[in-house]
PDB file of N, CA and C in Angstrom:
ATOM      1  N   MET A   1       0.847  -1.174   0.000  1.00  0.00           N
ATOM      2  CA  MET A   1       0.000   0.000   0.000  1.00  0.00           C
ATOM      3  C   MET A   1       0.884   1.225   0.000  1.00  0.00           C
ATOM      4  N   GLY A   2       0.355   2.268  -0.573  1.00  0.00           N
ATOM      5  CA  GLY A   2       1.131   3.488  -0.704  1.00  0.00           C
ATOM      6  C   GLY A   2       0.982   4.409   0.489  1.00  0.00           C
ATOM      7  N   VAL A   3       1.264   5.665   0.241  1.00  0.00           N
ATOM      8  CA  VAL A   3       1.223   6.657   1.309  1.00  0.00           C
ATOM      9  C   VAL A   3       0.018   7.587   1.196  1.00  0.00           C
ATOM     10  N   GLU A   4      -0.729   7.499   0.116  1.00  0.00           N
ATOM     11  CA  GLU A   4      -1.915   8.324  -0.092  1.00  0.00           C
ATOM     12  C   GLU A   4      -3.171   7.496   0.160  1.00  0.00           C
ATOM     13  N   GLY A   5      -4.296   8.187   0.292  1.00  0.00           N
ATOM     14  CA  GLY A   5      -5.565   7.482   0.491  1.00  0.00           C
ATOM     15  C   GLY A   5      -5.913   6.586  -0.684  1.00  0.00           C
ATOM     16  N   HIS A   6      -5.744   7.086  -1.888  1.00  0.00           N
ATOM     17  CA  HIS A   6      -5.977   6.316  -3.108  1.00  0.00           C
ATOM     18  C   HIS A   6      -4.899   6.704  -4.107  1.00  0.00           C
ATOM     19  N   GLU A   7      -4.243   5.724  -4.669  1.00  0.00           N
ATOM     20  CA  GLU A   7      -3.192   5.995  -5.646  1.00  0.00           C
ATOM     21  C   GLU A   7      -3.031   4.791  -6.563  1.00  0.00           C
ATOM     22  N   ALA A   8      -2.458   5.046  -7.728  1.00  0.00           N
ATOM     23  CA  ALA A   8      -2.218   3.987  -8.704  1.00  0.00           C
ATOM     24  C   ALA A   8      -1.215   2.982  -8.146  1.00  0.00           C
ATOM     25  N   PRO A   9      -1.225   1.750  -8.649  1.00  0.00           N
ATOM     26  CA  PRO A   9      -2.020   1.282  -9.783  1.00  0.00           C
ATOM     27  C   PRO A   9      -3.457   0.955  -9.374  1.00  0.00           C
ATOM     28  N   TRP A  10      -4.335   0.978 -10.362  1.00  0.00           N
ATOM     29  CA  TRP A  10      -5.752   0.712 -10.135  1.00  0.00           C
ATOM     30  C   TRP A  10      -6.119  -0.641 -10.717  1.00  0.00           C
ATOM     31  N   LEU A  11      -7.035  -1.322 -10.115  1.00  0.00           N
ATOM     32  CA  LEU A  11      -7.613  -2.539 -10.700  1.00  0.00           C
ATOM     33  C   LEU A  11      -8.856  -2.082 -11.471  1.00  0.00           C
ATOM     34  N   ALA A  12      -8.604  -1.448 -12.604  1.00  0.00           N
ATOM     35  CA  ALA A  12      -9.684  -0.841 -13.369  1.00  0.00           C
ATOM     36  C   ALA A  12      -9.327  -0.857 -14.855  1.00  0.00           C
ATOM     37  N   PRO A  13     -10.342  -0.828 -15.699  1.00  0.00           N
ATOM     38  CA  PRO A  13     -10.078  -0.758 -17.137  1.00  0.00           C
ATOM     39  C   PRO A  13      -9.184   0.440 -17.457  1.00  0.00           C
ATOM     40  N   GLY A  14      -8.201   0.198 -18.309  1.00  0.00           N
ATOM     41  CA  GLY A  14      -7.313   1.272 -18.727  1.00  0.00           C
ATOM     42  C   GLY A  14      -5.981   1.309 -17.997  1.00  0.00           C
ATOM     43  N   ASP A  15      -5.891   0.716 -16.819  1.00  0.00           N
ATOM     44  CA  ASP A  15      -4.614   0.669 -16.110  1.00  0.00           C
ATOM     45  C   ASP A  15      -3.856  -0.552 -16.612  1.00  0.00           C
ATOM     46  N   MET A  16      -2.744  -0.312 -17.226  1.00  0.00           N
ATOM     47  CA  MET A  16      -1.977  -1.397 -17.848  1.00  0.00           C
ATOM     48  C   MET A  16      -0.887  -1.958 -16.933  1.00  0.00           C
ATOM     49  N   THR A  17      -0.886  -1.592 -15.652  1.00  0.00           N
ATOM     50  CA  THR A  17       0.111  -2.086 -14.716  1.00  0.00           C
ATOM     51  C   THR A  17      -0.005  -3.597 -14.572  1.00  0.00           C
ATOM     52  N   GLU A  18       1.108  -4.303 -14.708  1.00  0.00           N
ATOM     53  CA  GLU A  18       1.111  -5.754 -14.529  1.00  0.00           C
ATOM     54  C   GLU A  18       1.032  -6.072 -13.034  1.00  0.00           C
ATOM     55  N   VAL A  19       0.094  -6.927 -12.670  1.00  0.00           N
ATOM     56  CA  VAL A  19      -0.040  -7.345 -11.272  1.00  0.00           C
ATOM     57  C   VAL A  19       1.016  -8.414 -11.005  1.00  0.00           C
ATOM     58  N   THR A  20       1.826  -8.201  -9.979  1.00  0.00           N
ATOM     59  CA  THR A  20       2.913  -9.122  -9.661  1.00  0.00           C
ATOM     60  C   THR A  20       2.873  -9.509  -8.180  1.00  0.00           C
ATOM     61  N   PRO A  21       3.520 -10.628  -7.825  1.00  0.00           N
ATOM     62  CA  PRO A  21       3.553 -11.040  -6.423  1.00  0.00           C
ATOM     63  C   PRO A  21       4.061  -9.932  -5.512  1.00  0.00           C
ATOM     64  N   ASN A  22       3.527  -9.917  -4.301  1.00  0.00           N
ATOM     65  CA  ASN A  22       3.856  -8.972  -3.232  1.00  0.00           C
ATOM     66  C   ASN A  22       3.172  -7.617  -3.368  1.00  0.00           C
ATOM     67  N   MET A  23       2.329  -7.434  -4.396  1.00  0.00           N
ATOM     68  CA  MET A  23       1.540  -6.212  -4.468  1.00  0.00           C
ATOM     69  C   MET A  23       0.372  -6.330  -3.491  1.00  0.00           C
ATOM     70  N   VAL A  24      -0.110  -5.195  -3.020  1.00  0.00           N
ATOM     71  CA  VAL A  24      -1.251  -5.136  -2.115  1.00  0.00           C
ATOM     72  C   VAL A  24      -2.266  -4.162  -2.704  1.00  0.00           C
ATOM     73  N   PHE A  25      -3.517  -4.583  -2.769  1.00  0.00           N
ATOM     74  CA  PHE A  25      -4.582  -3.732  -3.285  1.00  0.00           C
ATOM     75  C   PHE A  25      -5.715  -3.683  -2.281  1.00  0.00           C
ATOM     76  N   SER A  26      -6.532  -2.646  -2.413  1.00  0.00           N
ATOM     77  CA  SER A  26      -7.776  -2.634  -1.652  1.00  0.00           C
ATOM     78  C   SER A  26      -8.925  -2.640  -2.649  1.00  0.00           C
ATOM     79  N   ASN A  27      -9.990  -3.313  -2.281  1.00  0.00           N
ATOM     80  CA  ASN A  27     -11.216  -3.404  -3.065  1.00  0.00           C
ATOM     81  C   ASN A  27     -12.290  -2.789  -2.183  1.00  0.00           C
ATOM     82  N   GLU A  28     -12.909  -1.695  -2.642  1.00  0.00           N
ATOM     83  CA  GLU A  28     -13.821  -0.936  -1.788  1.00  0.00           C
ATOM     84  C   GLU A  28     -15.195  -0.753  -2.432  1.00  0.00           C
ATOM     85  N   PRO A  29     -15.927  -1.850  -2.630  1.00  0.00           N
ATOM     86  CA  PRO A  29     -17.260  -1.702  -3.234  1.00  0.00           C
ATOM     87  C   PRO A  29     -18.224  -1.005  -2.282  1.00  0.00           C
ATOM     88  N   GLY A  30     -19.152  -0.245  -2.851  1.00  0.00           N
ATOM     89  CA  GLY A  30     -20.122   0.458  -2.018  1.00  0.00           C
ATOM     90  C   GLY A  30     -21.467   0.587  -2.696  1.00  0.00           C
ATOM     91  N   VAL A  31     -22.479   0.784  -1.905  1.00  0.00           N
ATOM     92  CA  VAL A  31     -23.834   1.049  -2.369  1.00  0.00           C
ATOM     93  C   VAL A  31     -24.306   2.287  -1.616  1.00  0.00           C
ATOM     94  N   TYR A  32     -24.812   3.277  -2.339  1.00  0.00           N
ATOM     95  CA  TYR A  32     -25.200   4.537  -1.713  1.00  0.00           C
ATOM     96  C   TYR A  32     -26.598   4.940  -2.149  1.00  0.00           C
ATOM     97  N   ARG A  33     -27.365   5.465  -1.202  1.00  0.00           N
ATOM     98  CA  ARG A  33     -28.679   6.041  -1.498  1.00  0.00           C
ATOM     99  C   ARG A  33     -28.554   7.539  -1.245  1.00  0.00           C
ATOM    100  N   PRO A  34     -28.487   8.340  -2.327  1.00  0.00           N
ATOM    101  CA  PRO A  34     -28.237   9.777  -2.197  1.00  0.00           C
ATOM    102  C   PRO A  34     -29.181  10.452  -1.191  1.00  0.00           C
ATOM    103  N   GLY A  35     -28.572  11.241  -0.319  1.00  0.00           N
ATOM    104  CA  GLY A  35     -29.332  11.966   0.672  1.00  0.00           C
ATOM    105  C   GLY A  35     -29.863  11.130   1.815  1.00  0.00           C
ATOM    106  N   ARG A  36     -29.528   9.828   1.784  1.00  0.00           N
ATOM    107  CA  ARG A  36     -30.071   8.955   2.829  1.00  0.00           C
ATOM    108  C   ARG A  36     -28.986   8.227   3.604  1.00  0.00           C
ATOM    109  N   ASP A  37     -28.280   7.333   2.935  1.00  0.00           N
ATOM    110  CA  ASP A  37     -27.243   6.563   3.613  1.00  0.00           C
ATOM    111  C   ASP A  37     -26.407   5.805   2.597  1.00  0.00           C
ATOM    112  N   GLY A  38     -25.546   4.973   3.080  1.00  0.00           N
ATOM    113  CA  GLY A  38     -24.725   4.167   2.189  1.00  0.00           C
ATOM    114  C   GLY A  38     -23.969   3.109   2.967  1.00  0.00           C
ATOM    115  N   TYR A  39     -23.356   2.222   2.204  1.00  0.00           N
ATOM    116  CA  TYR A  39     -22.583   1.134   2.801  1.00  0.00           C
ATOM    117  C   TYR A  39     -21.370   0.906   1.919  1.00  0.00           C
ATOM    118  N   ARG A  40     -20.217   0.790   2.530  1.00  0.00           N
ATOM    119  CA  ARG A  40     -19.011   0.441   1.794  1.00  0.00           C
ATOM    120  C   ARG A  40     -18.202  -0.514   2.645  1.00  0.00           C
ATOM    121  N   THR A  41     -17.626  -1.497   2.004  1.00  0.00           N
ATOM    122  CA  THR A  41     -16.742  -2.425   2.691  1.00  0.00           C
ATOM    123  C   THR A  41     -15.360  -2.319   2.053  1.00  0.00           C
ATOM    124  N   ILE A  42     -14.362  -2.658   2.790  1.00  0.00           N
ATOM    125  CA  ILE A  42     -12.995  -2.597   2.277  1.00  0.00           C
ATOM    126  C   ILE A  42     -12.341  -3.958   2.468  1.00  0.00           C
ATOM    127  N   ASN A  43     -11.885  -4.528   1.374  1.00  0.00           N
ATOM    128  CA  ASN A  43     -11.157  -5.789   1.411  1.00  0.00           C
ATOM    129  C   ASN A  43      -9.725  -5.536   0.986  1.00  0.00           C
ATOM    130  N   THR A  44      -8.759  -5.941   1.798  1.00  0.00           N
ATOM    131  CA  THR A  44      -7.358  -5.885   1.409  1.00  0.00           C
ATOM    132  C   THR A  44      -7.039  -7.165   0.657  1.00  0.00           C
ATOM    133  N   MET A  45      -6.329  -7.043  -0.451  1.00  0.00           N
ATOM    134  CA  MET A  45      -5.972  -8.204  -1.264  1.00  0.00           C
ATOM    135  C   MET A  45      -4.461  -8.273  -1.393  1.00  0.00           C
ATOM    136  N   LEU A  46      -3.881  -9.411  -1.021  1.00  0.00           N
ATOM    137  CA  LEU A  46      -2.439  -9.638  -1.098  1.00  0.00           C
ATOM    138  C   LEU A  46      -2.164 -10.549  -2.288  1.00  0.00           C
ATOM    139  N   VAL A  47      -1.313 -10.112  -3.185  1.00  0.00           N
ATOM    140  CA  VAL A  47      -1.012 -10.886  -4.394  1.00  0.00           C
ATOM    141  C   VAL A  47       0.157 -11.823  -4.121  1.00  0.00           C
ATOM    142  N   HIS A  48      -0.050 -13.114  -4.361  1.00  0.00           N
ATOM    143  CA  HIS A  48       0.999 -14.132  -4.259  1.00  0.00           C
ATOM    144  C   HIS A  48       1.302 -14.646  -5.664  1.00  0.00           C
ATOM    145  N   ALA A  49       2.297 -15.463  -5.801  1.00  0.00           N
ATOM    146  CA  ALA A  49       2.686 -15.972  -7.122  1.00  0.00           C
ATOM    147  C   ALA A  49       1.581 -16.780  -7.788  1.00  0.00           C
ATOM    148  N   ASP A  50       0.778 -17.494  -6.995  1.00  0.00           N
ATOM    149  CA  ASP A  50      -0.217 -18.384  -7.591  1.00  0.00           C
ATOM    150  C   ASP A  50      -1.656 -18.124  -7.143  1.00  0.00           C
ATOM    151  N   HIS A  51      -1.886 -17.091  -6.338  1.00  0.00           N
ATOM    152  CA  HIS A  51      -3.243 -16.768  -5.902  1.00  0.00           C
ATOM    153  C   HIS A  51      -3.288 -15.389  -5.253  1.00  0.00           C
ATOM    154  N   VAL A  52      -4.507 -14.932  -5.017  1.00  0.00           N
ATOM    155  CA  VAL A  52      -4.714 -13.681  -4.297  1.00  0.00           C
ATOM    156  C   VAL A  52      -5.360 -14.023  -2.964  1.00  0.00           C
ATOM    157  N   GLU A  53      -4.814 -13.485  -1.901  1.00  0.00           N
ATOM    158  CA  GLU A  53      -5.319 -13.745  -0.553  1.00  0.00           C
ATOM    159  C   GLU A  53      -6.125 -12.535  -0.071  1.00  0.00           C
ATOM    160  N   ILE A  54      -7.296 -12.803   0.507  1.00  0.00           N
ATOM    161  CA  ILE A  54      -8.082 -11.764   1.163  1.00  0.00           C
ATOM    162  C   ILE A  54      -8.049 -12.106   2.644  1.00  0.00           C
ATOM    163  N   PRO A  55      -7.171 -11.432   3.426  1.00  0.00           N
ATOM    164  CA  PRO A  55      -6.962 -11.835   4.812  1.00  0.00           C
ATOM    165  C   PRO A  55      -8.205 -11.731   5.698  1.00  0.00           C
ATOM    166  N   SER A  56      -9.041 -10.733   5.466  1.00  0.00           N
ATOM    167  CA  SER A  56     -10.249 -10.606   6.287  1.00  0.00           C
ATOM    168  C   SER A  56     -11.325 -11.550   5.769  1.00  0.00           C
ATOM    169  N   ARG A  57     -11.764 -12.444   6.598  1.00  0.00           N
ATOM    170  CA  ARG A  57     -12.791 -13.414   6.203  1.00  0.00           C
ATOM    171  C   ARG A  57     -14.126 -13.096   6.871  1.00  0.00           C
ATOM    172  N   PHE A  58     -14.259 -11.896   7.446  1.00  0.00           N
ATOM    173  CA  PHE A  58     -15.474 -11.552   8.183  1.00  0.00           C
ATOM    174  C   PHE A  58     -16.730 -11.735   7.339  1.00  0.00           C
ATOM    175  N   GLN A  59     -16.748 -11.177   6.145  1.00  0.00           N
ATOM    176  CA  GLN A  59     -17.948 -11.282   5.318  1.00  0.00           C
ATOM    177  C   GLN A  59     -18.207 -12.718   4.879  1.00  0.00           C
ATOM    178  N   ALA A  60     -17.162 -13.425   4.551  1.00  0.00           N
ATOM    179  CA  ALA A  60     -17.338 -14.807   4.111  1.00  0.00           C
ATOM    180  C   ALA A  60     -17.771 -15.720   5.253  1.00  0.00           C
ATOM    181  N   ASP A  61     -17.362 -15.397   6.465  1.00  0.00           N
ATOM    182  CA  ASP A  61     -17.623 -16.265   7.614  1.00  0.00           C
ATOM    183  C   ASP A  61     -18.869 -15.899   8.412  1.00  0.00           C
ATOM    184  N   HIS A  62     -19.510 -14.757   8.085  1.00  0.00           N
ATOM    185  CA  HIS A  62     -20.691 -14.318   8.838  1.00  0.00           C
ATOM    186  C   HIS A  62     -21.846 -14.036   7.883  1.00  0.00           C
ATOM    187  N   PRO A  63     -22.985 -14.701   8.054  1.00  0.00           N
ATOM    188  CA  PRO A  63     -24.144 -14.424   7.196  1.00  0.00           C
ATOM    189  C   PRO A  63     -24.580 -12.973   7.325  1.00  0.00           C
ATOM    190  N   ILE A  64     -25.241 -12.463   6.287  1.00  0.00           N
ATOM    191  CA  ILE A  64     -25.603 -11.050   6.259  1.00  0.00           C
ATOM    192  C   ILE A  64     -26.462 -10.639   7.457  1.00  0.00           C
ATOM    193  N   ASP A  65     -27.307 -11.518   7.974  1.00  0.00           N
ATOM    194  CA  ASP A  65     -28.147 -11.133   9.113  1.00  0.00           C
ATOM    195  C   ASP A  65     -27.321 -10.902  10.375  1.00  0.00           C
ATOM    196  N   GLN A  66     -26.086 -11.385  10.417  1.00  0.00           N
ATOM    197  CA  GLN A  66     -25.209 -11.114  11.545  1.00  0.00           C
ATOM    198  C   GLN A  66     -24.355  -9.865  11.317  1.00  0.00           C
ATOM    199  N   ARG A  67     -24.356  -9.348  10.079  1.00  0.00           N
ATOM    200  CA  ARG A  67     -23.542  -8.175   9.749  1.00  0.00           C
ATOM    201  C   ARG A  67     -24.349  -6.880   9.703  1.00  0.00           C
ATOM    202  N   VAL A  68     -25.638  -6.969   9.419  1.00  0.00           N
ATOM    203  CA  VAL A  68     -26.460  -5.782   9.279  1.00  0.00           C
ATOM    204  C   VAL A  68     -26.970  -5.343  10.644  1.00  0.00           C
ATOM    205  N   ILE A  69     -26.728  -4.088  10.988  1.00  0.00           N
ATOM    206  CA  ILE A  69     -27.175  -3.563  12.284  1.00  0.00           C
ATOM    207  C   ILE A  69     -28.634  -3.125  12.190  1.00  0.00           C
ATOM    208  N   ALA A  70     -28.969  -2.384  11.143  1.00  0.00           N
ATOM    209  CA  ALA A  70     -30.358  -1.902  10.962  1.00  0.00           C
ATOM    210  C   ALA A  70     -30.566  -1.545   9.504  1.00  0.00           C
ATOM    211  N   LEU A  71     -31.794  -1.606   9.071  1.00  0.00           N
ATOM    212  CA  LEU A  71     -32.152  -1.192   7.706  1.00  0.00           C
ATOM    213  C   LEU A  71     -32.987   0.057   7.764  1.00  0.00           C
TER     214      LEU A  71
END
Protein backbone atom coordinates (compact mmCIF):
# COMPACT_ATOMS: atom_id res chain seq x y z
CA MET A 1 0.00 0.00 0.00
CA GLY A 2 1.13 3.49 -0.70
CA VAL A 3 1.22 6.66 1.31
CA GLU A 4 -1.92 8.32 -0.09
CA GLY A 5 -5.57 7.48 0.49
CA HIS A 6 -5.98 6.32 -3.11
CA GLU A 7 -3.19 5.99 -5.65
CA ALA A 8 -2.22 3.99 -8.70
CA PRO A 9 -2.02 1.28 -9.78
CA TRP A 10 -5.75 0.71 -10.14
CA LEU A 11 -7.61 -2.54 -10.70
CA ALA A 12 -9.68 -0.84 -13.37
CA PRO A 13 -10.08 -0.76 -17.14
CA GLY A 14 -7.31 1.27 -18.73
CA ASP A 15 -4.61 0.67 -16.11
CA MET A 16 -1.98 -1.40 -17.85
CA THR A 17 0.11 -2.09 -14.72
CA GLU A 18 1.11 -5.75 -14.53
CA VAL A 19 -0.04 -7.34 -11.27
CA THR A 20 2.91 -9.12 -9.66
CA PRO A 21 3.55 -11.04 -6.42
CA ASN A 22 3.86 -8.97 -3.23
CA MET A 23 1.54 -6.21 -4.47
CA VAL A 24 -1.25 -5.14 -2.11
CA PHE A 25 -4.58 -3.73 -3.29
CA SER A 26 -7.78 -2.63 -1.65
CA ASN A 27 -11.22 -3.40 -3.06
CA GLU A 28 -13.82 -0.94 -1.79
CA PRO A 29 -17.26 -1.70 -3.23
CA GLY A 30 -20.12 0.46 -2.02
CA VAL A 31 -23.83 1.05 -2.37
CA TYR A 32 -25.20 4.54 -1.71
CA ARG A 33 -28.68 6.04 -1.50
CA PRO A 34 -28.24 9.78 -2.20
CA GLY A 35 -29.33 11.97 0.67
CA ARG A 36 -30.07 8.95 2.83
CA ASP A 37 -27.24 6.56 3.61
CA GLY A 38 -24.73 4.17 2.19
CA TYR A 39 -22.58 1.13 2.80
CA ARG A 40 -19.01 0.44 1.79
CA THR A 41 -16.74 -2.43 2.69
CA ILE A 42 -13.00 -2.60 2.28
CA ASN A 43 -11.16 -5.79 1.41
CA THR A 44 -7.36 -5.88 1.41
CA MET A 45 -5.97 -8.20 -1.26
CA LEU A 46 -2.44 -9.64 -1.10
CA VAL A 47 -1.01 -10.89 -4.39
CA HIS A 48 1.00 -14.13 -4.26
CA ALA A 49 2.69 -15.97 -7.12
CA ASP A 50 -0.22 -18.38 -7.59
CA HIS A 51 -3.24 -16.77 -5.90
CA VAL A 52 -4.71 -13.68 -4.30
CA GLU A 53 -5.32 -13.75 -0.55
CA ILE A 54 -8.08 -11.76 1.16
CA PRO A 55 -6.96 -11.84 4.81
CA SER A 56 -10.25 -10.61 6.29
CA ARG A 57 -12.79 -13.41 6.20
CA PHE A 58 -15.47 -11.55 8.18
CA GLN A 59 -17.95 -11.28 5.32
CA ALA A 60 -17.34 -14.81 4.11
CA ASP A 61 -17.62 -16.27 7.61
CA HIS A 62 -20.69 -14.32 8.84
CA PRO A 63 -24.14 -14.42 7.20
CA ILE A 64 -25.60 -11.05 6.26
CA ASP A 65 -28.15 -11.13 9.11
CA GLN A 66 -25.21 -11.11 11.55
CA ARG A 67 -23.54 -8.17 9.75
CA VAL A 68 -26.46 -5.78 9.28
CA ILE A 69 -27.18 -3.56 12.28
CA ALA A 70 -30.36 -1.90 10.96
CA LEU A 71 -32.15 -1.19 7.71
